[in-house]
């Protein structure tokens, strides 16, 4: 039996795929512990996964508030200085304390793995990394250059602090993981460099949520457009203004799902409702279309429901994810520079074409045929890594 320690910080979309892997590992008899932001402890608990926090409520709030810094390459270093670099030591200490058993294996998000890499070195544990989307895998080749140019001093200072030598060669160091997993099926990211093994969408099945609020259930009977900006803080009021306004211009009912009510128009048009949170999987089969920010997990749930998608992507991998939606023929996207009520209403109208809806149904059947085996496939890779031994 392996002792699997999983590290996932970021948005809910970053954490859920690793929870799916953790659940699959537990079902196969392995012990698992998740190291994550304090905001996801209840999510892990409801999934039956023990979890430890790397931060407190105030720190997590600042982390979420500062996420817009990641939308602009010029402000990414500021986000790293505020949140990423200071987190390495608490992440390392937690991981190190959990990897005392022989045969331990660390599973970490590929793009936030400095503490995981160092812990694997220090403990001799195997390391498996997870790429959340194809653009992350495509960008892996640039990580050595990024670390060497932007984070070398900080990484080497941290390594001295945990009694590890300075990095001699960045490409060699970043090649330490025993294996890497891709959170998508091969057909979603064709042409992605072979730096990982795509296992399918690691969708996290929602816990029992109970009956929907009466007003939400009534709105869903009208087959509204679902408007979702994701669990992070990467879209602002412009996103919701354009999405809500575009629906109103067509007299389309809509349901806005976001915890940030202040970003949504204060006075919503008739036929438009708002709810702080609801699992997309629970309602996507009851909507006519979904307008979203381009997160890969939202894309996957919409594909599984056969729902047409309009993507308003902001930052990170989301424009590339949006391009995949268009390539598959299951939706459209509007770049941030063109966000407006008129652009959204025009794109929504295009989603009603018979050809596009036929493509949505085709991929719904593909997703149905592939089933829910992604977690088991990922777990098998983690098991093989644990058998192979330490990183590198």
Protein backbone atom coordinates (compact mmCIF):
# COMPACT_ATOMS: atom_id res chain seq x y z
CA UNK A 1 0.00 0.00 0.00
CA UNK A 2 1.37 3.39 -1.01
CA UNK A 3 1.34 6.53 1.10
CA UNK A 4 0.22 9.27 -1.32
CA UNK A 5 0.66 12.92 -0.37
CA UNK A 6 -1.02 15.36 -2.73
CA UNK A 7 -0.21 19.09 -3.03
CA UNK A 8 -2.75 21.36 -4.73
CA UNK A 9 -3.19 25.08 -4.15
CA UNK A 10 -4.98 27.62 -6.31
CA UNK A 11 -8.59 27.65 -7.47
CA UNK A 12 -11.14 24.92 -6.95
CA UNK A 13 -10.44 23.92 -10.56
CA UNK A 14 -6.82 23.24 -9.59
CA UNK A 15 -7.74 21.23 -6.50
CA UNK A 16 -10.60 19.05 -7.77
CA UNK A 17 -8.54 16.96 -10.25
CA UNK A 18 -6.16 15.96 -7.45
CA UNK A 19 -9.12 15.11 -5.23
CA UNK A 20 -10.32 12.80 -8.00
CA UNK A 21 -6.92 11.10 -8.01
CA UNK A 22 -6.93 10.88 -4.21
CA UNK A 23 -10.35 9.23 -4.17
CA UNK A 24 -9.27 6.70 -6.79
CA UNK A 25 -6.15 5.89 -4.77
CA UNK A 26 -8.18 5.40 -1.59
CA UNK A 27 -10.56 3.08 -3.45
CA UNK A 28 -7.50 1.01 -4.41
CA UNK A 29 -6.43 0.72 -0.77
CA UNK A 30 -3.81 3.47 -0.51
CA UNK A 31 -3.56 6.14 2.19
CA UNK A 32 -3.91 9.70 0.94
CA UNK A 33 -3.52 13.18 2.43
CA UNK A 34 -4.13 16.46 0.62
CA UNK A 35 -2.09 19.59 1.37
CA UNK A 36 -4.08 22.58 0.15
CA UNK A 37 -5.49 26.04 0.89
CA UNK A 38 -7.67 26.23 3.98
CA UNK A 39 -10.61 27.20 1.80
CA UNK A 40 -10.79 23.66 0.39
CA UNK A 41 -10.63 21.69 3.64
CA UNK A 42 -14.40 21.20 3.73
CA UNK A 43 -14.39 20.11 0.09
CA UNK A 44 -11.75 17.49 0.89
CA UNK A 45 -13.63 16.39 3.99
CA UNK A 46 -16.87 15.88 2.05
CA UNK A 47 -14.86 13.76 -0.38
CA UNK A 48 -13.46 11.63 2.44
CA UNK A 49 -9.88 12.84 1.95
CA UNK A 50 -7.83 13.95 4.99
CA UNK A 51 -6.36 17.42 4.36
CA UNK A 52 -3.97 19.89 5.95
CA UNK A 53 -3.92 23.65 5.27
CA UNK A 54 -0.94 25.65 4.03
CA UNK A 55 -2.53 28.97 5.03
CA UNK A 56 -5.19 30.58 7.21
CA UNK A 57 -8.44 32.31 6.29
CA UNK A 58 -6.88 35.77 6.03
CA UNK A 59 -4.02 34.51 3.88
CA UNK A 60 -6.37 32.59 1.61
CA UNK A 61 -8.54 35.69 1.16
CA UNK A 62 -5.48 37.72 0.12
CA UNK A 63 -4.45 34.90 -2.24
CA UNK A 64 -7.83 35.02 -3.99
CA UNK A 65 -7.98 38.83 -4.02
CA UNK A 66 -4.57 39.03 -5.73
CA UNK A 67 -5.29 36.51 -8.49
CA UNK A 68 -5.89 39.22 -11.12
CA UNK A 69 -2.12 39.84 -10.92
CA UNK A 70 -1.72 36.54 -12.79
CA UNK A 71 -3.64 37.86 -15.81
CA UNK A 72 -0.73 40.11 -16.85
CA UNK A 73 2.85 38.85 -17.32
CA UNK A 74 4.10 42.16 -15.95
CA UNK A 75 2.47 41.55 -12.56
CA UNK A 76 3.06 37.80 -12.26
CA UNK A 77 6.35 38.35 -10.34
CA UNK A 78 4.44 40.41 -7.78
CA UNK A 79 1.99 37.55 -7.20
CA UNK A 80 4.88 35.11 -6.81
CA UNK A 81 6.60 37.40 -4.30
CA UNK A 82 3.41 37.80 -2.25
CA UNK A 83 2.05 34.25 -2.32
CA UNK A 84 4.14 31.60 -4.08
CA UNK A 85 7.62 32.02 -2.64
CA UNK A 86 6.42 32.45 0.99
CA UNK A 87 4.37 29.24 0.66
CA UNK A 88 7.34 26.99 -0.18
CA UNK A 89 8.49 26.48 3.39
CA UNK A 90 5.08 25.61 4.92
CA UNK A 91 4.36 23.33 1.95
CA UNK A 92 7.76 21.64 2.34
CA UNK A 93 7.33 21.16 6.09
CA UNK A 94 3.90 19.56 5.66
CA UNK A 95 5.01 17.34 2.78
CA UNK A 96 8.20 16.31 4.57
CA UNK A 97 6.28 15.37 7.69
CA UNK A 98 3.86 13.22 5.68
CA UNK A 99 6.52 11.42 3.61
CA UNK A 100 8.19 9.58 6.46
CA UNK A 101 7.05 6.16 5.28
CA UNK A 102 9.03 4.10 2.80
CA UNK A 103 7.19 4.01 -0.51
CA UNK A 104 5.70 7.47 -0.16
CA UNK A 105 4.75 9.23 -3.38
CA UNK A 106 4.05 12.94 -3.84
CA UNK A 107 1.45 14.09 -6.37
CA UNK A 108 1.67 17.81 -7.15
CA UNK A 109 0.38 20.35 -9.63
CA UNK A 110 3.12 20.69 -12.24
CA UNK A 111 3.28 24.49 -12.22
CA UNK A 112 3.47 24.92 -8.44
CA UNK A 113 5.90 22.17 -7.61
CA UNK A 114 9.00 23.80 -6.10
CA UNK A 115 8.22 22.52 -2.60
CA UNK A 116 7.22 19.12 -4.01
CA UNK A 117 10.46 18.82 -6.01
CA UNK A 118 12.54 19.72 -2.98
CA UNK A 119 10.64 17.36 -0.69
CA UNK A 120 11.07 14.49 -3.15
CA UNK A 121 14.81 15.14 -3.13
CA UNK A 122 15.01 15.42 0.64
CA UNK A 123 12.96 12.29 1.38
CA UNK A 124 13.71 10.10 -1.63
CA UNK A 125 10.00 9.96 -2.43
CA UNK A 126 8.64 9.39 -5.90
CA UNK A 127 7.07 12.45 -7.52
CA UNK A 128 4.17 12.62 -9.98
CA UNK A 129 3.13 15.97 -11.44
CA UNK A 130 -0.26 16.90 -12.89
CA UNK A 131 -0.78 19.34 -15.76
CA UNK A 132 -4.28 20.79 -15.55
CA UNK A 133 -4.58 21.78 -19.23
CA UNK A 134 -2.73 21.30 -22.54
CA UNK A 135 -1.25 24.84 -22.57
CA UNK A 136 0.47 24.06 -19.26
CA UNK A 137 2.14 21.04 -20.85
CA UNK A 138 3.07 23.11 -23.90
CA UNK A 139 4.69 25.66 -21.60
CA UNK A 140 6.73 23.12 -19.67
CA UNK A 141 9.70 23.63 -21.98
CA UNK A 142 9.92 27.25 -20.85
CA UNK A 143 9.95 26.52 -17.11
CA UNK A 144 13.75 26.04 -16.84
CA UNK A 145 14.29 29.44 -18.43
CA UNK A 146 11.61 31.06 -16.25
CA UNK A 147 13.03 29.65 -13.02
CA UNK A 148 16.62 30.48 -13.99
CA UNK A 149 15.79 34.04 -15.00
CA UNK A 150 13.12 34.99 -12.45
CA UNK A 151 13.30 32.69 -9.41
CA UNK A 152 16.85 31.32 -9.19
CA UNK A 153 17.86 33.40 -6.19
CA UNK A 154 14.64 32.67 -4.30
CA UNK A 155 14.74 28.93 -5.05
CA UNK A 156 18.38 28.55 -4.05
CA UNK A 157 17.79 30.55 -0.85
CA UNK A 158 14.89 28.25 0.00
CA UNK A 159 16.97 25.18 -0.78
CA UNK A 160 19.72 26.39 1.57
CA UNK A 161 17.07 26.83 4.24
CA UNK A 162 16.03 23.17 3.92
CA UNK A 163 19.62 21.87 3.67
CA UNK A 164 19.63 21.18 -0.08
CA UNK A 165 22.37 22.31 -2.50
CA UNK A 166 21.84 25.01 -5.09
CA UNK A 167 20.36 23.91 -8.40
CA UNK A 168 23.21 23.08 -10.75
CA UNK A 169 21.15 22.56 -13.90
CA UNK A 170 17.55 23.73 -14.17
CA UNK A 171 16.49 21.33 -16.93
CA UNK A 172 17.87 18.35 -15.03
CA UNK A 173 16.20 19.46 -11.79
CA UNK A 174 12.81 19.95 -13.44
CA UNK A 175 13.09 16.48 -15.01
CA UNK A 176 13.03 14.84 -11.54
CA UNK A 177 9.35 13.72 -11.57
CA UNK A 178 8.96 9.98 -12.10
CA UNK A 179 5.81 10.56 -14.18
CA UNK A 180 3.40 13.30 -15.24
CA UNK A 181 -0.35 13.22 -15.81
CA UNK A 182 -2.49 15.31 -18.16
CA UNK A 183 -6.00 16.30 -17.03
CA UNK A 184 -7.59 15.84 -20.47
CA UNK A 185 -8.23 13.15 -23.10
CA UNK A 186 -5.93 12.93 -26.10
CA UNK A 187 -8.57 14.26 -28.50
CA UNK A 188 -8.85 17.51 -26.53
CA UNK A 189 -5.17 18.44 -26.83
CA UNK A 190 -3.77 16.99 -30.06
CA UNK A 191 -0.19 17.96 -30.78
CA UNK A 192 0.69 18.62 -27.13
CA UNK A 193 4.36 17.73 -26.40
CA UNK A 194 4.73 14.29 -24.83
CA UNK A 195 5.70 15.57 -21.39
CA UNK A 196 2.75 13.84 -19.72
CA UNK A 197 0.23 11.04 -20.14
CA UNK A 198 -3.30 12.37 -20.79
CA UNK A 199 -5.75 10.27 -18.76
CA UNK A 200 -9.03 12.07 -19.51
CA UNK A 201 -10.82 14.82 -17.64
CA UNK A 202 -10.34 14.25 -13.91
CA UNK A 203 -13.84 15.43 -13.08
CA UNK A 204 -14.73 15.59 -9.42
CA UNK A 205 -18.23 14.25 -8.93
CA UNK A 206 -20.22 16.69 -6.74
CA UNK A 207 -21.32 15.69 -3.30
CA UNK A 208 -25.02 15.43 -2.53
CA UNK A 209 -26.29 19.02 -2.51
CA UNK A 210 -29.92 18.51 -1.57
CA UNK A 211 -32.84 20.22 -3.32
CA UNK A 212 -32.21 23.39 -5.29
CA UNK A 213 -33.63 26.68 -4.02
CA UNK A 214 -37.15 27.13 -5.36
CA UNK A 215 -36.29 30.25 -7.38
CA UNK A 216 -33.28 28.55 -8.99
CA UNK A 217 -35.31 25.45 -9.83
CA UNK A 218 -38.03 27.63 -11.38
CA UNK A 219 -35.46 29.47 -13.49
CA UNK A 220 -33.88 26.21 -14.65
CA UNK A 221 -37.25 25.08 -15.99
CA UNK A 222 -36.86 27.89 -18.55
CA UNK A 223 -33.55 26.42 -19.83
CA UNK A 224 -31.51 29.56 -19.02
CA UNK A 225 -27.99 30.42 -20.07
CA UNK A 226 -25.56 29.56 -17.27
CA UNK A 227 -23.05 32.36 -16.61
CA UNK A 228 -20.00 31.31 -14.58
CA UNK A 229 -16.74 33.14 -13.97
CA UNK A 230 -15.12 30.23 -12.14
CA UNK A 231 -14.12 29.77 -8.52
CA UNK A 232 -11.09 32.04 -8.77
CA UNK A 233 -10.89 35.79 -9.17
CA UNK A 234 -9.69 36.13 -12.75
CA UNK A 235 -12.70 37.91 -14.27
CA UNK A 236 -14.14 41.22 -13.17
CA UNK A 237 -17.34 43.17 -13.60
CA UNK A 238 -16.70 43.54 -17.35
CA UNK A 239 -17.21 39.79 -17.76
CA UNK A 240 -20.57 39.79 -15.99
CA UNK A 241 -21.72 43.07 -17.58
CA UNK A 242 -21.08 41.65 -21.06
CA UNK A 243 -22.56 38.23 -20.31
CA UNK A 244 -25.68 39.46 -18.53
CA UNK A 245 -26.20 42.27 -21.04
CA UNK A 246 -25.80 39.93 -23.99
CA UNK A 247 -28.44 37.57 -22.61
CA UNK A 248 -30.81 40.45 -21.82
CA UNK A 249 -30.46 41.83 -25.36
CA UNK A 250 -31.85 38.53 -26.67
CA UNK A 251 -34.45 38.18 -23.90
CA UNK A 252 -32.68 34.98 -22.86
CA UNK A 253 -33.16 33.87 -19.24
CA UNK A 254 -29.86 33.42 -17.41
CA UNK A 255 -28.48 32.14 -14.13
CA UNK A 256 -25.31 33.79 -12.80
CA UNK A 257 -23.21 31.62 -10.48
CA UNK A 258 -20.47 33.42 -8.54
CA UNK A 259 -19.56 34.10 -4.93
CA UNK A 260 -18.53 37.65 -5.90
CA UNK A 261 -21.96 39.28 -6.00
CA UNK A 262 -20.32 42.73 -6.10
CA UNK A 263 -18.95 41.97 -9.59
CA UNK A 264 -22.44 41.26 -10.97
CA UNK A 265 -24.71 44.15 -12.04
CA UNK A 266 -26.55 45.39 -8.96
CA UNK A 267 -29.91 45.43 -10.76
CA UNK A 268 -30.32 42.26 -12.79
CA UNK A 269 -32.66 42.30 -15.81
CA UNK A 270 -35.94 40.37 -15.68
CA UNK A 271 -35.36 36.66 -16.15
CA UNK A 272 -31.78 36.77 -14.80
CA UNK A 273 -31.06 35.18 -11.42
CA UNK A 274 -28.01 34.89 -9.21
CA UNK A 275 -26.76 32.20 -6.83
CA UNK A 276 -23.46 32.18 -4.95
CA UNK A 277 -22.53 28.56 -5.60
CA UNK A 278 -23.96 25.43 -7.17
CA UNK A 279 -22.15 22.43 -8.73
CA UNK A 280 -22.19 22.83 -12.50
CA UNK A 281 -22.67 19.11 -12.92
CA UNK A 282 -25.99 19.37 -11.10
CA UNK A 283 -27.51 21.89 -13.51
CA UNK A 284 -25.71 21.83 -16.88
CA UNK A 285 -28.20 19.37 -18.36
CA UNK A 286 -30.93 21.94 -17.61
CA UNK A 287 -29.39 24.97 -19.36
CA UNK A 288 -29.50 26.04 -23.01
CA UNK A 289 -25.88 27.21 -23.12
CA UNK A 290 -23.04 28.22 -20.81
CA UNK A 291 -20.98 31.41 -20.82
CA UNK A 292 -17.78 30.90 -18.86
CA UNK A 293 -14.19 32.00 -18.27
CA UNK A 294 -12.41 29.13 -20.04
CA UNK A 295 -11.47 26.84 -17.17
CA UNK A 296 -10.88 23.31 -18.43
CA UNK A 297 -13.09 21.68 -15.82
CA UNK A 298 -16.06 23.86 -16.80
CA UNK A 299 -15.37 22.98 -20.43
CA UNK A 300 -15.36 19.29 -19.53
CA UNK A 301 -18.64 19.44 -17.62
CA UNK A 302 -20.28 21.32 -20.49
CA UNK A 303 -19.00 18.71 -22.96
CA UNK A 304 -20.42 15.95 -20.76
CA UNK A 305 -23.81 17.70 -20.73
CA UNK A 306 -23.82 18.51 -24.45
CA UNK A 307 -24.18 22.21 -23.64
CA UNK A 308 -23.05 24.81 -26.22
CA UNK A 309 -20.30 27.05 -24.83
CA UNK A 310 -19.40 30.71 -25.17
CA UNK A 311 -16.00 31.36 -23.64
CA UNK A 312 -14.88 34.79 -22.45
CA UNK A 313 -11.31 33.84 -21.50
CA UNK A 314 -9.11 35.81 -19.14
CA UNK A 315 -5.43 35.08 -18.53
CA UNK A 316 -3.38 31.91 -18.07
CA UNK A 317 -4.30 28.93 -20.23
CA UNK A 318 -7.86 30.06 -20.85
CA UNK A 319 -7.51 31.64 -24.33
CA UNK A 320 -5.92 28.38 -25.51
CA UNK A 321 -8.69 26.36 -23.86
CA UNK A 322 -11.21 28.59 -25.64
CA UNK A 323 -9.50 27.88 -28.95
CA UNK A 324 -9.95 24.15 -28.32
CA UNK A 325 -13.68 24.72 -27.77
CA UNK A 326 -13.88 26.45 -31.14
CA UNK A 327 -11.74 23.77 -32.83
CA UNK A 328 -14.06 21.03 -31.59
CA UNK A 329 -17.01 22.97 -32.97
CA UNK A 330 -18.88 22.99 -29.63
CA UNK A 331 -18.80 26.73 -29.01
CA UNK A 332 -17.43 30.18 -29.70
CA UNK A 333 -15.16 32.57 -27.83
CA UNK A 334 -14.80 36.31 -27.50
CA UNK A 335 -11.35 37.65 -26.50
CA UNK A 336 -11.16 40.08 -23.59
CA UNK A 337 -10.46 43.04 -25.87
CA UNK A 338 -13.89 42.55 -27.49
CA UNK A 339 -16.05 41.86 -24.45
CA UNK A 340 -19.36 43.69 -24.90
CA UNK A 341 -23.09 43.05 -24.81
CA UNK A 342 -23.22 43.13 -28.62
CA UNK A 343 -20.38 40.61 -29.04
CA UNK A 344 -21.94 38.24 -26.52
CA UNK A 345 -25.42 38.43 -28.05
CA UNK A 346 -24.01 37.80 -31.54
CA UNK A 347 -21.99 34.80 -30.35
CA UNK A 348 -24.96 33.41 -28.39
CA UNK A 349 -27.04 33.52 -31.55
CA UNK A 350 -24.38 31.45 -33.34
CA UNK A 351 -24.62 28.79 -30.63
CA UNK A 352 -28.16 28.03 -31.80
CA UNK A 353 -27.03 26.61 -35.14
CA UNK A 354 -28.04 23.02 -35.85
CA UNK A 355 -24.47 22.13 -36.83
CA UNK A 356 -23.03 23.35 -33.53
CA UNK A 357 -25.65 21.56 -31.46
CA UNK A 358 -24.99 18.39 -33.43
CA UNK A 359 -21.28 18.68 -32.53
CA UNK A 360 -22.21 19.17 -28.87
CA UNK A 361 -24.27 15.98 -28.94
CA UNK A 362 -21.43 14.12 -30.64
CA UNK A 363 -18.98 15.02 -27.87
CA UNK A 364 -21.57 14.31 -25.19
CA UNK A 365 -21.69 10.76 -26.54
CA UNK A 366 -17.88 10.62 -26.64
CA UNK A 367 -17.72 11.67 -23.00
CA UNK A 368 -20.43 9.15 -22.09
CA UNK A 369 -18.54 6.35 -23.82
CA UNK A 370 -15.29 7.23 -22.08
CA UNK A 371 -17.02 7.07 -18.71
CA UNK A 372 -15.38 7.97 -15.41
CA UNK A 373 -12.15 6.02 -15.66
CA UNK A 374 -9.75 8.99 -15.66
CA UNK A 375 -9.20 8.78 -11.90
CA UNK A 376 -8.34 5.08 -12.08
CA UNK A 377 -5.94 5.66 -14.97
CA UNK A 378 -4.22 8.44 -13.00
CA UNK A 379 -4.08 6.26 -9.88
CA UNK A 380 -2.37 3.49 -11.86
CA UNK A 381 0.34 5.96 -12.93
CA UNK A 382 0.84 7.03 -9.31
CA UNK A 383 1.08 3.38 -8.22
CA UNK A 384 3.70 2.66 -10.87
CA UNK A 385 5.71 5.70 -9.76
CA UNK A 386 5.59 4.53 -6.14
CA UNK A 387 6.88 1.11 -7.20
CA UNK A 388 9.66 2.70 -9.25
CA UNK A 389 10.96 4.58 -6.21
CA UNK A 390 12.40 8.04 -5.69
CA UNK A 391 12.22 10.98 -8.07
CA UNK A 392 14.60 10.99 -10.99
